[in-house]
Protein backbone atom coordinates (compact mmCIF):
# COMPACT_ATOMS: atom_id res chain seq x y z
CA UNK A 1 214.02 107.85 -61.80
CA UNK A 2 216.76 109.72 -60.09
CA UNK A 3 214.47 112.92 -60.54
CA UNK A 4 211.76 111.10 -58.50
CA UNK A 5 214.08 109.78 -55.92
CA UNK A 6 215.14 113.14 -55.35
CA UNK A 7 211.85 114.63 -55.12
CA UNK A 8 210.60 111.95 -52.60
CA UNK A 9 213.83 112.58 -50.37
CA UNK A 10 212.94 116.45 -50.68
CA UNK A 11 209.24 115.77 -49.40
CA UNK A 12 210.23 113.46 -46.81
CA UNK A 13 212.90 116.15 -45.60
CA UNK A 14 210.22 118.88 -45.60
CA UNK A 15 207.78 116.54 -43.68
CA UNK A 16 210.52 116.04 -41.08
CA UNK A 17 211.21 119.67 -40.77
CA UNK A 18 207.28 120.26 -40.20
CA UNK A 19 207.10 117.69 -37.40
CA UNK A 20 210.04 119.31 -35.59
CA UNK A 21 208.49 122.61 -36.04
CA UNK A 22 205.18 121.49 -34.76
CA UNK A 23 206.96 119.24 -31.94
CA UNK A 24 208.43 122.51 -30.62
CA UNK A 25 205.35 124.69 -30.92
CA UNK A 26 203.16 122.11 -29.00
CA UNK A 27 205.75 121.91 -26.31
CA UNK A 28 206.13 125.61 -26.30
CA UNK A 29 202.49 126.05 -25.97
CA UNK A 30 202.13 123.61 -23.25
CA UNK A 31 204.95 124.86 -20.92
CA UNK A 32 203.02 128.46 -21.67
CA UNK A 33 199.82 126.79 -20.51
CA UNK A 34 201.53 125.42 -17.34
CA UNK A 35 203.70 128.86 -16.72
CA UNK A 36 201.34 131.80 -17.18
CA UNK A 37 197.68 130.62 -16.76
CA UNK A 38 196.74 130.64 -13.08
CA UNK A 39 194.46 127.93 -11.38
CA UNK A 40 191.04 129.42 -12.30
CA UNK A 41 191.77 129.72 -15.97
CA UNK A 42 192.92 125.97 -15.59
CA UNK A 43 189.88 124.82 -14.49
CA UNK A 44 187.53 126.71 -16.64
CA UNK A 45 189.57 125.95 -19.82
CA UNK A 46 190.50 122.20 -18.90
CA UNK A 47 188.39 121.05 -21.71
CA UNK A 48 190.46 122.53 -24.32
CA UNK A 49 193.68 121.64 -22.70
CA UNK A 50 192.71 117.94 -22.98
CA UNK A 51 192.02 118.48 -26.43
CA UNK A 52 195.15 120.12 -27.08
CA UNK A 53 197.05 117.39 -25.05
CA UNK A 54 195.31 114.96 -27.24
CA UNK A 55 196.40 116.38 -30.38
CA UNK A 56 200.06 116.65 -29.18
CA UNK A 57 199.72 113.07 -28.14
CA UNK A 58 198.48 111.90 -32.01
CA UNK A 59 201.20 114.16 -33.54
CA UNK A 60 203.85 111.99 -31.70
CA UNK A 61 202.04 108.88 -32.19
CA UNK A 62 201.84 109.25 -35.76
CA UNK A 63 205.60 110.42 -35.95
CA UNK A 64 206.48 107.18 -33.87
CA UNK A 65 205.03 105.12 -36.85
CA UNK A 66 203.76 101.92 -34.87
CA UNK A 67 202.43 101.81 -31.36
CA UNK A 68 205.25 99.69 -29.91
CA UNK A 69 207.36 102.23 -30.49
CA UNK A 70 205.46 104.52 -28.16
CA UNK A 71 204.18 101.88 -25.85
CA UNK A 72 205.89 99.21 -23.94
CA UNK A 73 205.27 96.32 -21.38
CA UNK A 74 208.02 98.27 -19.22
CA UNK A 75 205.49 101.24 -18.80
CA UNK A 76 203.43 98.48 -16.50
CA UNK A 77 204.11 100.49 -13.58
CA UNK A 78 202.30 103.75 -14.84
CA UNK A 79 199.27 101.47 -15.92
CA UNK A 80 199.10 99.81 -12.45
CA UNK A 81 199.26 103.29 -10.85
CA UNK A 82 196.38 104.74 -13.08
CA UNK A 83 194.15 101.59 -12.53
CA UNK A 84 195.04 101.87 -8.67
CA UNK A 85 193.42 105.59 -8.54
CA UNK A 86 190.05 104.31 -9.52
CA UNK A 87 190.18 103.15 -5.66
CA UNK A 88 189.37 107.10 -4.88
CA UNK A 89 185.74 106.28 -6.70
CA UNK A 90 184.71 103.27 -4.58
CA UNK A 91 183.71 104.81 -1.15
CA UNK A 92 183.00 108.29 -2.34
CA UNK A 93 180.08 109.80 -1.24
CA UNK A 94 179.78 112.63 -3.78
CA UNK A 95 180.75 110.60 -7.12
CA UNK A 96 180.71 113.74 -9.32
CA UNK A 97 183.70 115.43 -7.25
CA UNK A 98 185.46 112.09 -7.02
CA UNK A 99 185.26 111.10 -10.72
CA UNK A 100 185.99 114.69 -11.86
CA UNK A 101 189.35 114.53 -9.57
CA UNK A 102 189.99 111.09 -11.02
CA UNK A 103 189.73 111.83 -14.70
CA UNK A 104 192.04 115.03 -14.33
CA UNK A 105 194.61 113.04 -12.58
CA UNK A 106 194.43 109.95 -14.85
CA UNK A 107 194.13 112.13 -18.11
CA UNK A 108 197.04 114.26 -17.49
CA UNK A 109 199.37 111.74 -16.21
CA UNK A 110 198.74 109.04 -19.31
CA UNK A 111 199.09 111.84 -21.87
CA UNK A 112 201.65 114.22 -20.39
CA UNK A 113 203.90 111.11 -19.45
CA UNK A 114 203.89 109.84 -22.92
CA UNK A 115 204.57 113.26 -24.34
CA UNK A 116 207.80 113.66 -22.03
CA UNK A 117 208.51 109.96 -22.85
CA UNK A 118 208.80 110.53 -26.70
CA UNK A 119 210.39 113.90 -26.80
CA UNK A 120 213.04 113.07 -24.92
CA UNK A 121 213.77 109.68 -26.68
CA UNK A 122 215.64 112.00 -29.15
CA UNK A 123 218.87 113.50 -28.26
CA UNK A 124 218.44 116.51 -30.30
CA UNK A 125 215.42 117.60 -28.09
CA UNK A 126 217.14 118.04 -24.69
CA UNK A 127 218.70 121.45 -25.63
CA UNK A 128 215.37 123.32 -27.05
CA UNK A 129 213.44 121.55 -24.18
CA UNK A 130 215.46 123.06 -21.49
CA UNK A 131 215.43 126.33 -22.99
CA UNK A 132 211.65 126.68 -23.16
CA UNK A 133 211.36 125.53 -19.71
CA UNK A 134 214.17 127.86 -18.36
CA UNK A 135 212.78 130.92 -20.42
CA UNK A 136 209.18 130.21 -19.12
CA UNK A 137 210.39 129.90 -15.67
CA UNK A 138 212.46 132.94 -15.71
CA UNK A 139 209.67 134.96 -16.79
CA UNK A 140 207.45 133.73 -14.27
CA UNK A 141 210.09 134.56 -11.54
CA UNK A 142 210.58 138.05 -13.40
CA UNK A 143 206.53 138.93 -12.84
CA UNK A 144 206.86 137.74 -9.19
CA UNK A 145 209.97 140.15 -8.59
CA UNK A 146 207.76 142.98 -10.20
CA UNK A 147 204.85 142.20 -7.86
CA UNK A 148 207.11 142.58 -4.62
CA UNK A 149 208.47 145.87 -6.05
CA UNK A 150 205.23 147.50 -7.53
CA UNK A 151 203.39 146.05 -4.44
CA UNK A 152 200.47 144.97 -6.73
CA UNK A 153 199.66 142.57 -9.47
CA UNK A 154 197.89 143.49 -12.88
CA UNK A 155 196.77 139.70 -13.10
CA UNK A 156 194.75 139.74 -9.82
CA UNK A 157 193.54 143.14 -9.55
CA UNK A 158 191.78 143.43 -12.92
CA UNK A 159 191.24 140.01 -14.46
CA UNK A 160 191.20 137.24 -11.91
CA UNK A 161 189.85 136.97 -8.70
CA UNK A 162 192.46 135.68 -6.03
CA UNK A 163 191.11 135.00 -2.41
CA UNK A 164 194.96 135.09 -1.44
CA UNK A 165 195.50 138.55 -2.90
CA UNK A 166 194.96 140.54 0.20
CA UNK A 167 196.87 137.97 2.39
CA UNK A 168 200.20 137.55 0.55
CA UNK A 169 200.53 140.62 -1.90
CA UNK A 170 203.78 142.82 -1.05
CA UNK A 171 204.98 140.19 1.07
CA UNK A 172 205.20 136.83 -0.95
CA UNK A 173 205.22 136.69 -4.60
CA UNK A 174 202.34 134.74 -6.41
CA UNK A 175 202.94 135.54 -9.96
CA UNK A 176 200.92 133.47 -12.61
CA UNK A 177 200.59 130.59 -10.00
CA UNK A 178 198.13 132.13 -7.68
CA UNK A 179 199.63 131.23 -4.54
CA UNK A 180 203.04 131.66 -3.14
CA UNK A 181 203.41 128.00 -2.29
CA UNK A 182 202.04 126.79 -5.88
CA UNK A 183 204.46 129.42 -7.32
CA UNK A 184 207.57 128.16 -5.38
CA UNK A 185 206.38 124.34 -6.80
CA UNK A 186 206.39 125.57 -10.50
CA UNK A 187 209.65 127.13 -9.92
CA UNK A 188 211.17 124.30 -7.88
CA UNK A 189 210.41 121.93 -10.74
CA UNK A 190 211.78 124.25 -13.56
CA UNK A 191 214.99 125.41 -11.76
CA UNK A 192 217.35 122.26 -12.63
CA UNK A 193 216.78 123.04 -16.24
CA UNK A 194 218.84 126.09 -16.03
CA UNK A 195 221.90 124.11 -14.68
CA UNK A 196 221.68 122.23 -17.90
CA UNK A 197 222.08 125.56 -20.09
CA UNK A 198 224.62 126.58 -17.95
CA UNK A 199 226.70 123.78 -19.09
CA UNK A 200 226.22 124.27 -23.01
CA UNK A 201 229.29 124.95 -25.06
CA UNK A 202 227.34 128.02 -26.54
CA UNK A 203 228.27 131.00 -24.70
CA UNK A 204 224.88 132.75 -24.63
CA UNK A 205 223.12 129.48 -23.65
CA UNK A 206 225.33 129.45 -20.34
CA UNK A 207 224.81 133.06 -19.79
CA UNK A 208 220.86 132.56 -19.82
CA UNK A 209 221.02 129.33 -17.59
CA UNK A 210 223.29 131.34 -15.19
CA UNK A 211 220.92 134.43 -15.36
CA UNK A 212 217.81 132.28 -15.04
CA UNK A 213 219.10 130.01 -12.17
CA UNK A 214 220.08 132.93 -10.06
CA UNK A 215 216.54 134.79 -10.62
CA UNK A 216 214.53 131.49 -10.08
CA UNK A 217 216.52 130.64 -7.08
CA UNK A 218 215.98 134.23 -5.69
CA UNK A 219 212.11 134.00 -6.07
CA UNK A 220 212.02 130.62 -4.72
CA UNK A 221 213.72 131.77 -1.22
CA UNK A 222 210.99 134.92 -1.71
CA UNK A 223 207.97 132.72 -1.51
CA UNK A 224 208.79 131.76 2.16
CA UNK A 225 207.05 128.24 1.86
CA UNK A 226 208.57 125.92 4.04
CA UNK A 227 207.43 122.78 1.90
CA UNK A 228 209.35 124.30 -1.12
CA UNK A 229 212.48 124.94 1.15
CA UNK A 230 212.72 121.54 2.33
CA UNK A 231 212.06 120.50 -1.60
CA UNK A 232 215.20 122.71 -2.55
CA UNK A 233 217.32 121.51 -0.04
CA UNK A 234 216.54 117.83 -1.20
CA UNK A 235 216.85 118.72 -4.82
CA UNK A 236 220.16 120.73 -4.75
CA UNK A 237 221.66 117.71 -2.39
CA UNK A 238 220.83 115.07 -4.64
CA UNK A 239 221.87 117.13 -7.90
CA UNK A 240 225.34 117.69 -6.36
CA UNK A 241 225.69 114.04 -4.80
CA UNK A 242 225.01 112.74 -8.44
CA UNK A 243 227.12 115.17 -10.25
CA UNK A 244 230.17 114.34 -7.72
CA UNK A 245 230.40 117.83 -6.27
CA UNK A 246 231.55 116.76 -2.83
CA UNK A 247 232.98 119.91 -2.06
CA UNK A 248 230.28 122.09 -3.04
CA UNK A 249 227.66 119.85 -1.21
CA UNK A 250 229.61 120.39 1.92
CA UNK A 251 229.51 124.10 1.37
CA UNK A 252 226.12 124.07 0.53
CA UNK A 253 224.94 122.18 3.68
CA UNK A 254 226.88 124.41 5.98
CA UNK A 255 225.66 127.64 4.36
CA UNK A 256 222.23 126.02 4.88
CA UNK A 257 222.50 125.89 8.65
CA UNK A 258 223.86 129.06 8.83
CA UNK A 259 220.75 130.44 6.96
CA UNK A 260 218.30 128.64 8.83
CA UNK A 261 220.13 129.86 12.10
CA UNK A 262 220.22 133.42 11.14
CA UNK A 263 216.30 132.90 10.05
CA UNK A 264 215.56 131.58 13.55
CA UNK A 265 216.52 134.90 15.16
CA UNK A 266 214.81 137.47 12.56
CA UNK A 267 211.75 139.13 13.76
CA UNK A 268 210.56 139.33 10.39
CA UNK A 269 207.33 136.82 10.21
CA UNK A 270 208.34 135.58 6.52
CA UNK A 271 212.11 135.09 7.41
CA UNK A 272 211.68 133.17 10.60
CA UNK A 273 209.28 130.83 8.79
CA UNK A 274 212.53 129.27 7.40
CA UNK A 275 214.01 129.33 10.83
CA UNK A 276 214.34 126.15 13.19
CA UNK A 277 211.00 126.80 15.29
CA UNK A 278 208.68 127.42 12.34
CA UNK A 279 210.38 125.00 10.21
CA UNK A 280 211.19 122.04 12.25
CA UNK A 281 209.38 122.14 15.85
CA UNK A 282 207.91 124.77 17.78
CA UNK A 283 205.41 126.63 15.93
CA UNK A 284 201.77 125.43 15.59
CA UNK A 285 202.09 124.68 12.17
CA UNK A 286 205.97 123.49 12.03
CA UNK A 287 206.97 120.19 10.61
CA UNK A 288 206.51 118.78 14.06
CA UNK A 289 203.27 120.15 15.58
CA UNK A 290 199.86 119.90 17.00
CA UNK A 291 198.36 120.81 13.69
CA UNK A 292 200.29 118.24 11.69
CA UNK A 293 199.92 115.39 14.02
CA UNK A 294 196.09 115.90 14.08
CA UNK A 295 196.08 115.73 10.33
CA UNK A 296 198.06 112.71 10.88
CA UNK A 297 195.78 111.28 13.36
CA UNK A 298 192.94 112.03 11.27
CA UNK A 299 194.09 110.34 8.20
CA UNK A 300 194.89 107.08 10.21
CA UNK A 301 191.63 107.12 11.31
CA UNK A 302 190.18 107.27 8.04
CA UNK A 303 192.51 104.37 6.98
CA UNK A 304 191.45 102.28 9.72
CA UNK A 305 187.94 102.68 8.65
CA UNK A 306 188.44 102.57 4.91
CA UNK A 307 191.47 100.61 4.47
CA UNK A 308 191.61 99.70 1.02
CA UNK A 309 189.80 102.30 -0.91
CA UNK A 310 190.04 105.21 0.96
CA UNK A 311 186.67 107.62 1.36
CA UNK A 312 187.25 108.92 -2.24
CA UNK A 313 188.75 111.79 -3.93
CA UNK A 314 188.31 115.06 -2.21
CA UNK A 315 186.28 113.46 0.65
CA UNK A 316 188.91 114.74 3.57
CA UNK A 317 187.09 118.10 3.07
CA UNK A 318 183.84 117.05 2.67
CA UNK A 319 183.96 114.47 5.68
CA UNK A 320 186.21 116.65 7.61
CA UNK A 321 183.91 117.18 10.62
CA UNK A 322 183.43 113.35 11.07
CA UNK A 323 187.28 112.81 11.77
CA UNK A 324 188.61 116.19 13.13
CA UNK A 325 188.99 117.07 17.03
CA UNK A 326 185.81 118.33 18.75
CA UNK A 327 187.06 121.85 19.05
CA UNK A 328 187.19 122.18 14.96
CA UNK A 329 183.90 120.91 14.28
CA UNK A 330 182.37 123.35 12.20
CA UNK A 331 185.37 125.76 12.99
CA UNK A 332 187.95 124.98 10.53
CA UNK A 333 187.98 127.17 7.54
CA UNK A 334 187.47 125.25 4.16
CA UNK A 335 190.83 126.25 3.20
CA UNK A 336 192.63 124.00 5.96
CA UNK A 337 190.04 121.28 5.96
CA UNK A 338 193.00 119.12 4.35
CA UNK A 339 195.78 116.81 5.15
CA UNK A 340 198.21 119.32 4.15
CA UNK A 341 199.79 116.40 2.89
CA UNK A 342 199.76 114.69 -0.53
CA UNK A 343 200.79 111.41 1.04
CA UNK A 344 198.39 111.79 3.72
CA UNK A 345 195.79 112.53 1.17
CA UNK A 346 196.74 109.27 -0.93
CA UNK A 347 196.30 107.06 2.13
CA UNK A 348 192.90 108.59 3.47
CA UNK A 349 191.13 109.29 -0.23
CA UNK A 350 192.45 105.95 -2.09
CA UNK A 351 193.35 103.67 0.73
CA UNK A 352 195.88 101.16 0.43
CA UNK A 353 195.25 100.44 -2.97
CA UNK A 354 195.78 103.81 -4.28
CA UNK A 355 198.96 104.69 -1.95
CA UNK A 356 200.66 101.40 -3.30
CA UNK A 357 200.21 102.15 -6.82
CA UNK A 358 201.91 105.37 -6.34
CA UNK A 359 204.84 103.99 -4.52
CA UNK A 360 205.52 101.26 -6.58
CA UNK A 361 205.36 103.88 -9.66
CA UNK A 362 207.70 105.80 -8.22
CA UNK A 363 209.83 103.39 -7.00
CA UNK A 364 210.21 101.39 -10.12
CA UNK A 365 210.63 104.88 -11.87
CA UNK A 366 213.58 106.01 -10.00
CA UNK A 367 214.88 102.43 -9.93
CA UNK A 368 215.10 102.44 -13.90
CA UNK A 369 216.58 105.74 -13.74
CA UNK A 370 219.62 105.00 -11.73
CA UNK A 371 220.16 101.85 -13.68
CA UNK A 372 220.28 104.33 -16.90
CA UNK A 373 222.60 106.59 -15.26
CA UNK A 374 225.00 103.75 -14.42
CA UNK A 375 224.63 102.72 -18.24
CA UNK A 376 224.87 105.99 -20.13
CA UNK A 377 228.01 106.79 -21.18
CA UNK A 378 227.44 110.51 -22.78
CA UNK A 379 227.58 112.78 -20.10
CA UNK A 380 224.90 115.25 -21.54
CA UNK A 381 222.60 112.40 -21.49
CA UNK A 382 223.27 111.59 -17.84
CA UNK A 383 223.06 115.28 -17.10
CA UNK A 384 219.58 115.79 -18.33
CA UNK A 385 218.45 112.38 -16.67
CA UNK A 386 219.87 113.50 -13.30
CA UNK A 387 218.16 117.12 -13.88
CA UNK A 388 214.85 115.36 -14.23
CA UNK A 389 215.33 113.09 -11.38
CA UNK A 390 216.54 116.23 -9.36
CA UNK A 391 213.11 117.87 -10.15
CA UNK A 392 210.77 115.11 -9.49
CA UNK A 393 212.58 114.82 -6.05
CA UNK A 394 212.06 118.43 -5.35
CA UNK A 395 208.42 117.90 -5.99
CA UNK A 396 208.03 114.71 -4.09
CA UNK A 397 209.42 116.29 -0.98
CA UNK A 398 207.35 119.25 -1.61
CA UNK A 399 204.45 116.82 -1.84
CA UNK A 400 204.60 116.46 2.16
CA UNK A 401 203.35 120.35 2.71
CA UNK A 402 200.20 120.17 0.65
CA UNK A 403 198.01 118.50 -2.16
CA UNK A 404 200.20 119.10 -4.96
CA UNK A 405 197.94 116.76 -7.09
CA UNK A 406 195.09 118.92 -6.69
CA UNK A 407 196.53 121.79 -8.37
CA UNK A 408 196.79 122.00 -12.15
CA UNK A 409 200.12 123.38 -12.82
CA UNK A 410 202.35 121.64 -10.38
CA UNK A 411 200.59 118.19 -11.13
CA UNK A 412 201.32 118.87 -15.01
CA UNK A 413 205.03 119.38 -14.43
CA UNK A 414 204.97 116.18 -12.09
CA UNK A 415 203.40 114.17 -15.23
CA UNK A 416 206.29 115.47 -17.44
CA UNK A 417 209.19 115.05 -15.26
CA UNK A 418 207.95 111.29 -14.99
CA UNK A 419 207.58 110.90 -18.56
CA UNK A 420 211.42 112.31 -18.90
CA UNK A 421 212.52 109.70 -16.26
CA UNK A 422 210.55 107.11 -18.10
CA UNK A 423 211.96 107.79 -21.60
CA UNK A 424 214.31 105.28 -23.69
CA UNK A 425 216.55 106.24 -26.27
CA UNK A 426 216.10 105.41 -29.58
């Protein structure tokens, strides 16, 4: 009997080890898919990515043992948001485009949210989750630095056609993310996880975290994306505030004012993007500008005509000429036939229903996270939660500068961080 019990325990232990190995391998594959495969590859092989996410979800589902260990009524804001996104189908003229967009948004959010939620529910997972994200983002940043150094990219010269290549190569890095703004969004979301490693007790992890923090931050600035820059300000301000680093926060804000002031007087076309004139007010595409105000006006007019359900996913482009100024009819390039703001996109394309669903989801997600911060006694657990919140805040601010949800890579990061914040400690 004793031998049988020992054998049974040995088999059980082996199964646990196998599950842990598969869990790490699947997560590393997911982060690698987000990190190293540009937008065209994401779209071309989306069906295989969905199969992979389904398998990853099933692995965690069976490990949880019972459905109630994975799902809970407290996730109702997520379900409401997923349901509200169907508003983008109601008034769409091109049902196929709207349906494809809707399915991608709902599928990825549902599966990646629960993957992130389950992974972070176990304390032992935090260090290797941070390590995988940190190493991947560090490699992506390294590829971006090499692009600027050599003045070319093997990826886009030999393997993938990139319409942004001629415009940005040699001046703003794109790395594996296809566009400088998307690269900045990706690195912005990954940056806080290197902070977690920099606080680890093991020296090699602290050094790894410190090195990748600097390299990722360096490349974020070099993307010269104003939306990413504002997201970085929000991310670091929130992180330092919640970590009670008041002195460092004050120094950061002073350095920020100095940096923006210096950039304001630079003749370099990239550096002055981060100056006051091109960042806030005075440029044709600054935060307060005719270009931005026209997009706000268009979105509000669409919301007036389609108040509850919007005009349909990806239909701002399709119906651009109906709502733009007369001088822009038939003249605006396809690339710029957008609100250039994810919040305006929600309002115009999903109406009040979709916008409220999103806002309720985000508000209650943060409300839950703030409550957990006040309840958690373990400093490491609290630190990881603050990191996840900081990453999501950075992306939420960045969403005010372009349609983040319509790019595979940063959207999947958004879904993952929402899952981290929605996790429940076992």
